[in-house]
Amino acid sequence: MSYEVMVVEYFRRRLKKLSKKYKRIGEDYKSLIETLENNPSEGDAIPGFGNKIYKIRMRSSNMKRGKRGGFRVIYYLSDHIVYLLTIYTKAKREEISVKEIKEALRGLEITL
């Protein structure tokens, strides 16, 4: 079964900001979209959100560190739709705060 991938405005802004430094992020992003369309539960569920919010690694062609040192994408999994919430680099931070996840969810008018 194929899932539809939707992008919330918060994610779009973060991706645009990162694309200024990481010029090849678009290629890496396309690969992630294909993965999520076919297997959206490949990411790791973030505790406290009832198996609805996931984190997945995304490689960075610019950093040349593979998935482990690349980007992290947080997404919300609904019936047959994957909503991309936010993206950040592993180099800048280890984890994302619950506050930031909730801020990204605000665009979907979803509370967990």
PDB file of N, CA and C in Angstrom:
ATOM      1  N   MET A   1       0.837  -1.170   0.000  1.00  0.00           N
ATOM      2  CA  MET A   1       0.000   0.000   0.000  1.00  0.00           C
ATOM      3  C   MET A   1       0.891   1.245   0.000  1.00  0.00           C
ATOM      4  N   SER A   2       0.537   2.204  -0.818  1.00  0.00           N
ATOM      5  CA  SER A   2       1.316   3.426  -0.930  1.00  0.00           C
ATOM      6  C   SER A   2       0.693   4.542  -0.086  1.00  0.00           C
ATOM      7  N   TYR A   3       1.532   5.285   0.581  1.00  0.00           N
ATOM      8  CA  TYR A   3       1.094   6.401   1.413  1.00  0.00           C
ATOM      9  C   TYR A   3       1.349   7.714   0.686  1.00  0.00           C
ATOM     10  N   GLU A   4       0.549   8.704   0.982  1.00  0.00           N
ATOM     11  CA  GLU A   4       0.752  10.042   0.447  1.00  0.00           C
ATOM     12  C   GLU A   4       1.603  10.812   1.451  1.00  0.00           C
ATOM     13  N   VAL A   5       2.559  11.577   0.963  1.00  0.00           N
ATOM     14  CA  VAL A   5       3.419  12.368   1.840  1.00  0.00           C
ATOM     15  C   VAL A   5       3.061  13.843   1.664  1.00  0.00           C
ATOM     16  N   MET A   6       2.711  14.485   2.776  1.00  0.00           N
ATOM     17  CA  MET A   6       2.347  15.901   2.780  1.00  0.00           C
ATOM     18  C   MET A   6       3.382  16.661   3.611  1.00  0.00           C
ATOM     19  N   VAL A   7       3.592  17.919   3.259  1.00  0.00           N
ATOM     20  CA  VAL A   7       4.577  18.747   3.951  1.00  0.00           C
ATOM     21  C   VAL A   7       3.857  19.904   4.643  1.00  0.00           C
ATOM     22  N   VAL A   8       4.083  20.058   5.944  1.00  0.00           N
ATOM     23  CA  VAL A   8       3.502  21.199   6.652  1.00  0.00           C
ATOM     24  C   VAL A   8       4.425  22.404   6.479  1.00  0.00           C
ATOM     25  N   GLU A   9       3.890  23.586   6.666  1.00  0.00           N
ATOM     26  CA  GLU A   9       4.637  24.821   6.435  1.00  0.00           C
ATOM     27  C   GLU A   9       5.896  24.905   7.305  1.00  0.00           C
ATOM     28  N   TYR A  10       5.819  24.462   8.527  1.00  0.00           N
ATOM     29  CA  TYR A  10       6.973  24.486   9.430  1.00  0.00           C
ATOM     30  C   TYR A  10       8.137  23.694   8.828  1.00  0.00           C
ATOM     31  N   PHE A  11       7.849  22.524   8.288  1.00  0.00           N
ATOM     32  CA  PHE A  11       8.872  21.696   7.643  1.00  0.00           C
ATOM     33  C   PHE A  11       9.436  22.414   6.421  1.00  0.00           C
ATOM     34  N   ARG A  12       8.551  22.977   5.617  1.00  0.00           N
ATOM     35  CA  ARG A  12       8.972  23.664   4.390  1.00  0.00           C
ATOM     36  C   ARG A  12       9.971  24.785   4.709  1.00  0.00           C
ATOM     37  N   ARG A  13       9.686  25.550   5.750  1.00  0.00           N
ATOM     38  CA  ARG A  13      10.596  26.642   6.142  1.00  0.00           C
ATOM     39  C   ARG A  13      11.953  26.103   6.590  1.00  0.00           C
ATOM     40  N   ARG A  14      11.940  25.033   7.388  1.00  0.00           N
ATOM     41  CA  ARG A  14      13.194  24.439   7.868  1.00  0.00           C
ATOM     42  C   ARG A  14      14.018  23.881   6.695  1.00  0.00           C
ATOM     43  N   LEU A  15      13.350  23.209   5.762  1.00  0.00           N
ATOM     44  CA  LEU A  15      14.035  22.638   4.601  1.00  0.00           C
ATOM     45  C   LEU A  15      14.666  23.742   3.756  1.00  0.00           C
ATOM     46  N   LYS A  16      13.936  24.822   3.560  1.00  0.00           N
ATOM     47  CA  LYS A  16      14.453  25.947   2.773  1.00  0.00           C
ATOM     48  C   LYS A  16      15.696  26.538   3.435  1.00  0.00           C
ATOM     49  N   LYS A  17      15.646  26.690   4.750  1.00  0.00           N
ATOM     50  CA  LYS A  17      16.791  27.232   5.485  1.00  0.00           C
ATOM     51  C   LYS A  17      18.009  26.310   5.366  1.00  0.00           C
ATOM     52  N   LEU A  18      17.793  25.019   5.512  1.00  0.00           N
ATOM     53  CA  LEU A  18      18.896  24.057   5.409  1.00  0.00           C
ATOM     54  C   LEU A  18      19.464  23.983   3.994  1.00  0.00           C
ATOM     55  N   SER A  19      18.622  24.210   2.986  1.00  0.00           N
ATOM     56  CA  SER A  19      19.077  24.097   1.594  1.00  0.00           C
ATOM     57  C   SER A  19      20.090  25.177   1.226  1.00  0.00           C
ATOM     58  N   LYS A  20      20.153  26.240   1.995  1.00  0.00           N
ATOM     59  CA  LYS A  20      21.146  27.284   1.730  1.00  0.00           C
ATOM     60  C   LYS A  20      22.555  26.784   2.038  1.00  0.00           C
ATOM     61  N   LYS A  21      22.676  25.954   3.051  1.00  0.00           N
ATOM     62  CA  LYS A  21      23.989  25.414   3.429  1.00  0.00           C
ATOM     63  C   LYS A  21      24.263  24.070   2.762  1.00  0.00           C
ATOM     64  N   TYR A  22      23.232  23.245   2.655  1.00  0.00           N
ATOM     65  CA  TYR A  22      23.381  21.896   2.107  1.00  0.00           C
ATOM     66  C   TYR A  22      22.718  21.851   0.730  1.00  0.00           C
ATOM     67  N   LYS A  23      23.481  22.149  -0.289  1.00  0.00           N
ATOM     68  CA  LYS A  23      22.952  22.335  -1.647  1.00  0.00           C
ATOM     69  C   LYS A  23      22.320  21.081  -2.241  1.00  0.00           C
ATOM     70  N   ARG A  24      22.735  19.903  -1.795  1.00  0.00           N
ATOM     71  CA  ARG A  24      22.216  18.661  -2.385  1.00  0.00           C
ATOM     72  C   ARG A  24      21.105  18.028  -1.544  1.00  0.00           C
ATOM     73  N   ILE A  25      20.535  18.783  -0.632  1.00  0.00           N
ATOM     74  CA  ILE A  25      19.501  18.246   0.244  1.00  0.00           C
ATOM     75  C   ILE A  25      18.260  17.804  -0.545  1.00  0.00           C
ATOM     76  N   GLY A  26      18.019  18.432  -1.679  1.00  0.00           N
ATOM     77  CA  GLY A  26      16.862  18.067  -2.508  1.00  0.00           C
ATOM     78  C   GLY A  26      16.921  16.622  -2.978  1.00  0.00           C
ATOM     79  N   GLU A  27      18.102  16.167  -3.367  1.00  0.00           N
ATOM     80  CA  GLU A  27      18.278  14.777  -3.807  1.00  0.00           C
ATOM     81  C   GLU A  27      18.016  13.811  -2.648  1.00  0.00           C
ATOM     82  N   ASP A  28      18.550  14.141  -1.498  1.00  0.00           N
ATOM     83  CA  ASP A  28      18.371  13.299  -0.314  1.00  0.00           C
ATOM     84  C   ASP A  28      16.902  13.266   0.103  1.00  0.00           C
ATOM     85  N   TYR A  29      16.239  14.399  -0.023  1.00  0.00           N
ATOM     86  CA  TYR A  29      14.826  14.534   0.330  1.00  0.00           C
ATOM     87  C   TYR A  29      13.955  13.641  -0.561  1.00  0.00           C
ATOM     88  N   LYS A  30      14.244  13.614  -1.849  1.00  0.00           N
ATOM     89  CA  LYS A  30      13.471  12.767  -2.780  1.00  0.00           C
ATOM     90  C   LYS A  30      13.579  11.294  -2.399  1.00  0.00           C
ATOM     91  N   SER A  31      14.756  10.881  -1.998  1.00  0.00           N
ATOM     92  CA  SER A  31      14.962   9.497  -1.572  1.00  0.00           C
ATOM     93  C   SER A  31      14.141   9.182  -0.323  1.00  0.00           C
ATOM     94  N   LEU A  32      14.093  10.116   0.607  1.00  0.00           N
ATOM     95  CA  LEU A  32      13.305   9.934   1.826  1.00  0.00           C
ATOM     96  C   LEU A  32      11.817   9.814   1.496  1.00  0.00           C
ATOM     97  N   ILE A  33      11.337  10.642   0.588  1.00  0.00           N
ATOM     98  CA  ILE A  33       9.918  10.608   0.198  1.00  0.00           C
ATOM     99  C   ILE A  33       9.558   9.222  -0.330  1.00  0.00           C
ATOM    100  N   GLU A  34      10.401   8.668  -1.182  1.00  0.00           N
ATOM    101  CA  GLU A  34      10.149   7.325  -1.720  1.00  0.00           C
ATOM    102  C   GLU A  34      10.076   6.292  -0.597  1.00  0.00           C
ATOM    103  N   THR A  35      10.979   6.393   0.359  1.00  0.00           N
ATOM    104  CA  THR A  35      10.981   5.464   1.493  1.00  0.00           C
ATOM    105  C   THR A  35       9.682   5.568   2.278  1.00  0.00           C
ATOM    106  N   LEU A  36       9.267   6.787   2.594  1.00  0.00           N
ATOM    107  CA  LEU A  36       8.067   6.982   3.405  1.00  0.00           C
ATOM    108  C   LEU A  36       6.787   6.603   2.664  1.00  0.00           C
ATOM    109  N   GLU A  37       6.767   6.774   1.355  1.00  0.00           N
ATOM    110  CA  GLU A  37       5.584   6.377   0.582  1.00  0.00           C
ATOM    111  C   GLU A  37       5.365   4.872   0.650  1.00  0.00           C
ATOM    112  N   ASN A  38       6.443   4.129   0.695  1.00  0.00           N
ATOM    113  CA  ASN A  38       6.354   2.671   0.675  1.00  0.00           C
ATOM    114  C   ASN A  38       6.384   2.018   2.055  1.00  0.00           C
ATOM    115  N   ASN A  39       7.053   2.647   3.005  1.00  0.00           N
ATOM    116  CA  ASN A  39       7.179   2.050   4.335  1.00  0.00           C
ATOM    117  C   ASN A  39       7.252   3.144   5.405  1.00  0.00           C
ATOM    118  N   PRO A  40       6.126   3.772   5.719  1.00  0.00           N
ATOM    119  CA  PRO A  40       6.155   4.909   6.638  1.00  0.00           C
ATOM    120  C   PRO A  40       6.520   4.560   8.077  1.00  0.00           C
ATOM    121  N   SER A  41       6.420   3.315   8.443  1.00  0.00           N
ATOM    122  CA  SER A  41       6.761   2.955   9.822  1.00  0.00           C
ATOM    123  C   SER A  41       8.232   2.568   9.967  1.00  0.00           C
ATOM    124  N   GLU A  42       9.044   2.892   8.965  1.00  0.00           N
ATOM    125  CA  GLU A  42      10.474   2.594   9.033  1.00  0.00           C
ATOM    126  C   GLU A  42      11.180   3.427  10.103  1.00  0.00           C
ATOM    127  N   GLY A  43      10.645   4.584  10.404  1.00  0.00           N
ATOM    128  CA  GLY A  43      11.237   5.430  11.436  1.00  0.00           C
ATOM    129  C   GLY A  43      10.992   4.867  12.822  1.00  0.00           C
ATOM    130  N   ASP A  44      11.539   5.544  13.813  1.00  0.00           N
ATOM    131  CA  ASP A  44      11.370   5.145  15.212  1.00  0.00           C
ATOM    132  C   ASP A  44      10.281   5.992  15.853  1.00  0.00           C
ATOM    133  N   ALA A  45       9.323   5.343  16.508  1.00  0.00           N
ATOM    134  CA  ALA A  45       8.257   6.069  17.198  1.00  0.00           C
ATOM    135  C   ALA A  45       8.851   6.875  18.349  1.00  0.00           C
ATOM    136  N   ILE A  46       8.397   8.107  18.491  1.00  0.00           N
ATOM    137  CA  ILE A  46       8.847   8.958  19.589  1.00  0.00           C
ATOM    138  C   ILE A  46       7.915   8.730  20.772  1.00  0.00           C
ATOM    139  N   PRO A  47       8.457   8.334  21.911  1.00  0.00           N
ATOM    140  CA  PRO A  47       7.616   8.040  23.081  1.00  0.00           C
ATOM    141  C   PRO A  47       6.768   9.244  23.504  1.00  0.00           C
ATOM    142  N   GLY A  48       5.568   8.947  23.973  1.00  0.00           N
ATOM    143  CA  GLY A  48       4.696   9.994  24.479  1.00  0.00           C
ATOM    144  C   GLY A  48       3.692  10.521  23.475  1.00  0.00           C
ATOM    145  N   PHE A  49       3.732   9.995  22.257  1.00  0.00           N
ATOM    146  CA  PHE A  49       2.826  10.475  21.217  1.00  0.00           C
ATOM    147  C   PHE A  49       1.947   9.362  20.649  1.00  0.00           C
ATOM    148  N   GLY A  50       1.835   8.262  21.357  1.00  0.00           N
ATOM    149  CA  GLY A  50       0.924   7.194  20.959  1.00  0.00           C
ATOM    150  C   GLY A  50       1.187   6.570  19.600  1.00  0.00           C
ATOM    151  N   ASN A  51       2.444   6.333  19.260  1.00  0.00           N
ATOM    152  CA  ASN A  51       2.824   5.738  17.969  1.00  0.00           C
ATOM    153  C   ASN A  51       2.271   6.501  16.772  1.00  0.00           C
ATOM    154  N   LYS A  52       2.215   7.819  16.896  1.00  0.00           N
ATOM    155  CA  LYS A  52       1.761   8.670  15.792  1.00  0.00           C
ATOM    156  C   LYS A  52       2.881   9.554  15.255  1.00  0.00           C
ATOM    157  N   ILE A  53       3.873   9.847  16.096  1.00  0.00           N
ATOM    158  CA  ILE A  53       4.988  10.704  15.707  1.00  0.00           C
ATOM    159  C   ILE A  53       6.249   9.851  15.625  1.00  0.00           C
ATOM    160  N   TYR A  54       6.947   9.988  14.493  1.00  0.00           N
ATOM    161  CA  TYR A  54       8.143   9.185  14.237  1.00  0.00           C
ATOM    162  C   TYR A  54       9.328  10.076  13.890  1.00  0.00           C
ATOM    163  N   LYS A  55      10.510   9.509  14.094  1.00  0.00           N
ATOM    164  CA  LYS A  55      11.757  10.161  13.694  1.00  0.00           C
ATOM    165  C   LYS A  55      12.485   9.196  12.772  1.00  0.00           C
ATOM    166  N   ILE A  56      12.973   9.720  11.656  1.00  0.00           N
ATOM    167  CA  ILE A  56      13.715   8.891  10.710  1.00  0.00           C
ATOM    168  C   ILE A  56      14.993   9.620  10.312  1.00  0.00           C
ATOM    169  N   ARG A  57      16.008   8.858  10.038  1.00  0.00           N
ATOM    170  CA  ARG A  57      17.277   9.422   9.572  1.00  0.00           C
ATOM    171  C   ARG A  57      17.212   9.658   8.070  1.00  0.00           C
ATOM    172  N   MET A  58      17.825  10.762   7.647  1.00  0.00           N
ATOM    173  CA  MET A  58      17.931  11.062   6.219  1.00  0.00           C
ATOM    174  C   MET A  58      19.390  11.373   5.929  1.00  0.00           C
ATOM    175  N   ARG A  59      19.941  10.709   4.954  1.00  0.00           N
ATOM    176  CA  ARG A  59      21.350  10.918   4.635  1.00  0.00           C
ATOM    177  C   ARG A  59      21.586  12.331   4.117  1.00  0.00           C
ATOM    178  N   SER A  60      22.825  12.753   4.168  1.00  0.00           N
ATOM    179  CA  SER A  60      23.220  14.044   3.627  1.00  0.00           C
ATOM    180  C   SER A  60      24.367  13.839   2.653  1.00  0.00           C
ATOM    181  N   SER A  61      24.107  14.097   1.392  1.00  0.00           N
ATOM    182  CA  SER A  61      25.153  13.971   0.371  1.00  0.00           C
ATOM    183  C   SER A  61      26.250  15.006   0.585  1.00  0.00           C
ATOM    184  N   ASN A  62      25.910  16.140   1.171  1.00  0.00           N
ATOM    185  CA  ASN A  62      26.894  17.188   1.410  1.00  0.00           C
ATOM    186  C   ASN A  62      27.849  16.851   2.548  1.00  0.00           C
ATOM    187  N   MET A  63      27.331  16.252   3.614  1.00  0.00           N
ATOM    188  CA  MET A  63      28.160  15.957   4.782  1.00  0.00           C
ATOM    189  C   MET A  63      28.969  14.679   4.612  1.00  0.00           C
ATOM    190  N   LYS A  64      28.557  13.820   3.727  1.00  0.00           N
ATOM    191  CA  LYS A  64      29.240  12.560   3.451  1.00  0.00           C
ATOM    192  C   LYS A  64      29.452  11.727   4.721  1.00  0.00           C
ATOM    193  N   ARG A  65      28.428  11.675   5.557  1.00  0.00           N
ATOM    194  CA  ARG A  65      28.500  10.879   6.781  1.00  0.00           C
ATOM    195  C   ARG A  65      27.422   9.808   6.809  1.00  0.00           C
ATOM    196  N   GLY A  66      26.681   9.669   5.742  1.00  0.00           N
ATOM    197  CA  GLY A  66      25.605   8.685   5.722  1.00  0.00           C
ATOM    198  C   GLY A  66      24.427   9.136   6.560  1.00  0.00           C
ATOM    199  N   LYS A  67      23.552   8.196   6.867  1.00  0.00           N
ATOM    200  CA  LYS A  67      22.340   8.525   7.616  1.00  0.00           C
ATOM    201  C   LYS A  67      22.632   8.911   9.060  1.00  0.00           C
ATOM    202  N   ARG A  68      23.619   8.276   9.671  1.00  0.00           N
ATOM    203  CA  ARG A  68      23.883   8.511  11.100  1.00  0.00           C
ATOM    204  C   ARG A  68      24.283   9.952  11.387  1.00  0.00           C
ATOM    205  N   GLY A  69      24.999  10.569  10.486  1.00  0.00           N
ATOM    206  CA  GLY A  69      25.456  11.936  10.723  1.00  0.00           C
ATOM    207  C   GLY A  69      24.703  12.972   9.929  1.00  0.00           C
ATOM    208  N   GLY A  70      23.638  12.566   9.272  1.00  0.00           N
ATOM    209  CA  GLY A  70      22.900  13.472   8.400  1.00  0.00           C
ATOM    210  C   GLY A  70      21.782  14.225   9.090  1.00  0.00           C
ATOM    211  N   PHE A  71      20.614  14.136   8.504  1.00  0.00           N
ATOM    212  CA  PHE A  71      19.446  14.859   8.992  1.00  0.00           C
ATOM    213  C   PHE A  71      18.511  13.943   9.767  1.00  0.00           C
ATOM    214  N   ARG A  72      17.660  14.562  10.564  1.00  0.00           N
ATOM    215  CA  ARG A  72      16.580  13.858  11.242  1.00  0.00           C
ATOM    216  C   ARG A  72      15.279  14.503  10.789  1.00  0.00           C
ATOM    217  N   VAL A  73      14.319  13.680  10.439  1.00  0.00           N
ATOM    218  CA  VAL A  73      13.010  14.165  10.014  1.00  0.00           C
ATOM    219  C   VAL A  73      11.973  13.626  10.989  1.00  0.00           C
ATOM    220  N   ILE A  74      11.137  14.521  11.477  1.00  0.00           N
ATOM    221  CA  ILE A  74      10.047  14.155  12.372  1.00  0.00           C
ATOM    222  C   ILE A  74       8.766  14.196  11.550  1.00  0.00           C
ATOM    223  N   TYR A  75       7.968  13.129  11.665  1.00  0.00           N
ATOM    224  CA  TYR A  75       6.724  13.099  10.894  1.00  0.00           C
ATOM    225  C   TYR A  75       5.581  12.498  11.687  1.00  0.00           C
ATOM    226  N   TYR A  76       4.380  12.862  11.266  1.00  0.00           N
ATOM    227  CA  TYR A  76       3.136  12.384  11.876  1.00  0.00           C
ATOM    228  C   TYR A  76       2.508  11.388  10.919  1.00  0.00           C
ATOM    229  N   LEU A  77       2.172  10.216  11.424  1.00  0.00           N
ATOM    230  CA  LEU A  77       1.591   9.165  10.588  1.00  0.00           C
ATOM    231  C   LEU A  77       0.101   9.056  10.883  1.00  0.00           C
ATOM    232  N   SER A  78      -0.695   9.349   9.864  1.00  0.00           N
ATOM    233  CA  SER A  78      -2.144   9.247   9.959  1.00  0.00           C
ATOM    234  C   SER A  78      -2.578   8.146   8.999  1.00  0.00           C
ATOM    235  N   ASP A  79      -3.849   7.835   8.941  1.00  0.00           N
ATOM    236  CA  ASP A  79      -4.373   6.718   8.150  1.00  0.00           C
ATOM    237  C   ASP A  79      -3.506   6.328   6.945  1.00  0.00           C
ATOM    238  N   HIS A  80      -3.551   7.063   5.876  1.00  0.00           N
ATOM    239  CA  HIS A  80      -2.738   6.758   4.691  1.00  0.00           C
ATOM    240  C   HIS A  80      -1.924   7.970   4.266  1.00  0.00           C
ATOM    241  N   ILE A  81      -1.671   8.842   5.239  1.00  0.00           N
ATOM    242  CA  ILE A  81      -0.939  10.069   4.951  1.00  0.00           C
ATOM    243  C   ILE A  81       0.206  10.228   5.945  1.00  0.00           C
ATOM    244  N   VAL A  82       1.354  10.632   5.420  1.00  0.00           N
ATOM    245  CA  VAL A  82       2.524  10.959   6.234  1.00  0.00           C
ATOM    246  C   VAL A  82       2.695  12.475   6.156  1.00  0.00           C
ATOM    247  N   TYR A  83       2.663  13.141   7.306  1.00  0.00           N
ATOM    248  CA  TYR A  83       2.856  14.588   7.362  1.00  0.00           C
ATOM    249  C   TYR A  83       4.263  14.872   7.868  1.00  0.00           C
ATOM    250  N   LEU A  84       5.089  15.489   7.031  1.00  0.00           N
ATOM    251  CA  LEU A  84       6.440  15.860   7.445  1.00  0.00           C
ATOM    252  C   LEU A  84       6.344  17.111   8.305  1.00  0.00           C
ATOM    253  N   LEU A  85       6.834  17.026   9.540  1.00  0.00           N
ATOM    254  CA  LEU A  85       6.675  18.113  10.503  1.00  0.00           C
ATOM    255  C   LEU A  85       7.887  19.024  10.597  1.00  0.00           C
ATOM    256  N   THR A  86       9.073  18.438  10.751  1.00  0.00           N
ATOM    257  CA  THR A  86      10.275  19.253  10.869  1.00  0.00           C
ATOM    258  C   THR A  86      11.503  18.434  10.479  1.00  0.00           C
ATOM    259  N   ILE A  87      12.583  19.134  10.228  1.00  0.00           N
ATOM    260  CA  ILE A  87      13.852  18.516   9.849  1.00  0.00           C
ATOM    261  C   ILE A  87      14.972  19.287  10.545  1.00  0.00           C
ATOM    262  N   TYR A  88      16.004  18.573  10.966  1.00  0.00           N
ATOM    263  CA  TYR A  88      17.155  19.214  11.589  1.00  0.00           C
ATOM    264  C   TYR A  88      18.386  18.354  11.339  1.00  0.00           C
ATOM    265  N   THR A  89      19.570  18.943  11.561  1.00  0.00           N
ATOM    266  CA  THR A  89      20.807  18.192  11.357  1.00  0.00           C
ATOM    267  C   THR A  89      21.259  17.566  12.665  1.00  0.00           C
ATOM    268  N   LYS A  90      21.776  16.380  12.549  1.00  0.00           N
ATOM    269  CA  LYS A  90      22.319  15.668  13.706  1.00  0.00           C
ATOM    270  C   LYS A  90      23.515  16.440  14.263  1.00  0.00           C
ATOM    271  N   ALA A  91      24.248  17.113  13.388  1.00  0.00           N
ATOM    272  CA  ALA A  91      25.429  17.862  13.813  1.00  0.00           C
ATOM    273  C   ALA A  91      25.064  19.011  14.753  1.00  0.00           C
ATOM    274  N   LYS A  92      23.900  19.591  14.578  1.00  0.00           N
ATOM    275  CA  LYS A  92      23.486  20.745  15.381  1.00  0.00           C
ATOM    276  C   LYS A  92      22.841  20.359  16.702  1.00  0.00           C
ATOM    277  N   ARG A  93      22.154  19.210  16.731  1.00  0.00           N
ATOM    278  CA  ARG A  93      21.462  18.815  17.954  1.00  0.00           C
ATOM    279  C   ARG A  93      21.181  17.328  17.966  1.00  0.00           C
ATOM    280  N   GLU A  94      21.137  16.773  19.154  1.00  0.00           N
ATOM    281  CA  GLU A  94      20.882  15.340  19.322  1.00  0.00           C
ATOM    282  C   GLU A  94      19.395  15.022  19.242  1.00  0.00           C
ATOM    283  N   GLU A  95      18.597  15.783  19.964  1.00  0.00           N
ATOM    284  CA  GLU A  95      17.166  15.496  20.081  1.00  0.00           C
ATOM    285  C   GLU A  95      16.347  16.740  19.770  1.00  0.00           C
ATOM    286  N   ILE A  96      15.075  16.530  19.555  1.00  0.00           N
ATOM    287  CA  ILE A  96      14.139  17.626  19.341  1.00  0.00           C
ATOM    288  C   ILE A  96      13.228  17.704  20.562  1.00  0.00           C
ATOM    289  N   SER A  97      12.826  18.897  20.902  1.00  0.00           N
ATOM    290  CA  SER A  97      11.994  19.060  22.098  1.00  0.00           C
ATOM    291  C   SER A  97      10.527  18.755  21.787  1.00  0.00           C
ATOM    292  N   VAL A  98       9.815  18.360  22.819  1.00  0.00           N
ATOM    293  CA  VAL A  98       8.375  18.116  22.698  1.00  0.00           C
ATOM    294  C   VAL A  98       7.684  19.407  22.277  1.00  0.00           C
ATOM    295  N   LYS A  99       8.171  20.534  22.784  1.00  0.00           N
ATOM    296  CA  LYS A  99       7.601  21.842  22.449  1.00  0.00           C
ATOM    297  C   LYS A  99       7.680  22.100  20.942  1.00  0.00           C
ATOM    298  N   GLU A 100       8.822  21.788  20.335  1.00  0.00           N
ATOM    299  CA  GLU A 100       8.983  22.021  18.901  1.00  0.00           C
ATOM    300  C   GLU A 100       8.091  21.088  18.087  1.00  0.00           C
ATOM    301  N   ILE A 101       7.930  19.858  18.533  1.00  0.00           N
ATOM    302  CA  ILE A 101       7.036  18.924  17.840  1.00  0.00           C
ATOM    303  C   ILE A 101       5.605  19.451  17.891  1.00  0.00           C
ATOM    304  N   LYS A 102       5.200  19.919  19.059  1.00  0.00           N
ATOM    305  CA  LYS A 102       3.837  20.456  19.197  1.00  0.00           C
ATOM    306  C   LYS A 102       3.644  21.706  18.351  1.00  0.00           C
ATOM    307  N   GLU A 103       4.689  22.518  18.233  1.00  0.00           N
ATOM    308  CA  GLU A 103       4.618  23.714  17.396  1.00  0.00           C
ATOM    309  C   GLU A 103       4.409  23.328  15.931  1.00  0.00           C
ATOM    310  N   ALA A 104       5.121  22.311  15.481  1.00  0.00           N
ATOM    311  CA  ALA A 104       4.971  21.841  14.102  1.00  0.00           C
ATOM    312  C   ALA A 104       3.588  21.235  13.878  1.00  0.00           C
ATOM    313  N   LEU A 105       3.053  20.571  14.890  1.00  0.00           N
ATOM    314  CA  LEU A 105       1.715  19.970  14.798  1.00  0.00           C
ATOM    315  C   LEU A 105       0.613  21.014  14.723  1.00  0.00           C
ATOM    316  N   ARG A 106       0.880  22.203  15.229  1.00  0.00           N
ATOM    317  CA  ARG A 106      -0.124  23.258  15.235  1.00  0.00           C
ATOM    318  C   ARG A 106      -0.676  23.542  13.844  1.00  0.00           C
ATOM    319  N   GLY A 107       0.171  23.421  12.845  1.00  0.00           N
ATOM    320  CA  GLY A 107      -0.266  23.641  11.473  1.00  0.00           C
ATOM    321  C   GLY A 107      -1.294  22.631  11.006  1.00  0.00           C
ATOM    322  N   LEU A 108      -1.318  21.473  11.637  1.00  0.00           N
ATOM    323  CA  LEU A 108      -2.283  20.426  11.279  1.00  0.00           C
ATOM    324  C   LEU A 108      -3.530  20.466  12.156  1.00  0.00           C
ATOM    325  N   GLU A 109      -3.489  21.332  13.160  1.00  0.00           N
ATOM    326  CA  GLU A 109      -4.583  21.422  14.130  1.00  0.00           C
ATOM    327  C   GLU A 109      -4.828  20.078  14.814  1.00  0.00           C
ATOM    328  N   ILE A 110      -3.721  19.435  15.195  1.00  0.00           N
ATOM    329  CA  ILE A 110      -3.773  18.143  15.879  1.00  0.00           C
ATOM    330  C   ILE A 110      -3.127  18.308  17.247  1.00  0.00           C
ATOM    331  N   THR A 111      -3.748  17.774  18.257  1.00  0.00           N
ATOM    332  CA  THR A 111      -3.134  17.755  19.579  1.00  0.00           C
ATOM    333  C   THR A 111      -3.026  16.311  20.030  1.00  0.00           C
ATOM    334  N   LEU A 112      -1.877  15.959  20.543  1.00  0.00           N
ATOM    335  CA  LEU A 112      -1.640  14.592  21.033  1.00  0.00           C
ATOM    336  C   LEU A 112      -1.321  14.628  22.504  1.00  0.00           C
TER     337      LEU A 112
END
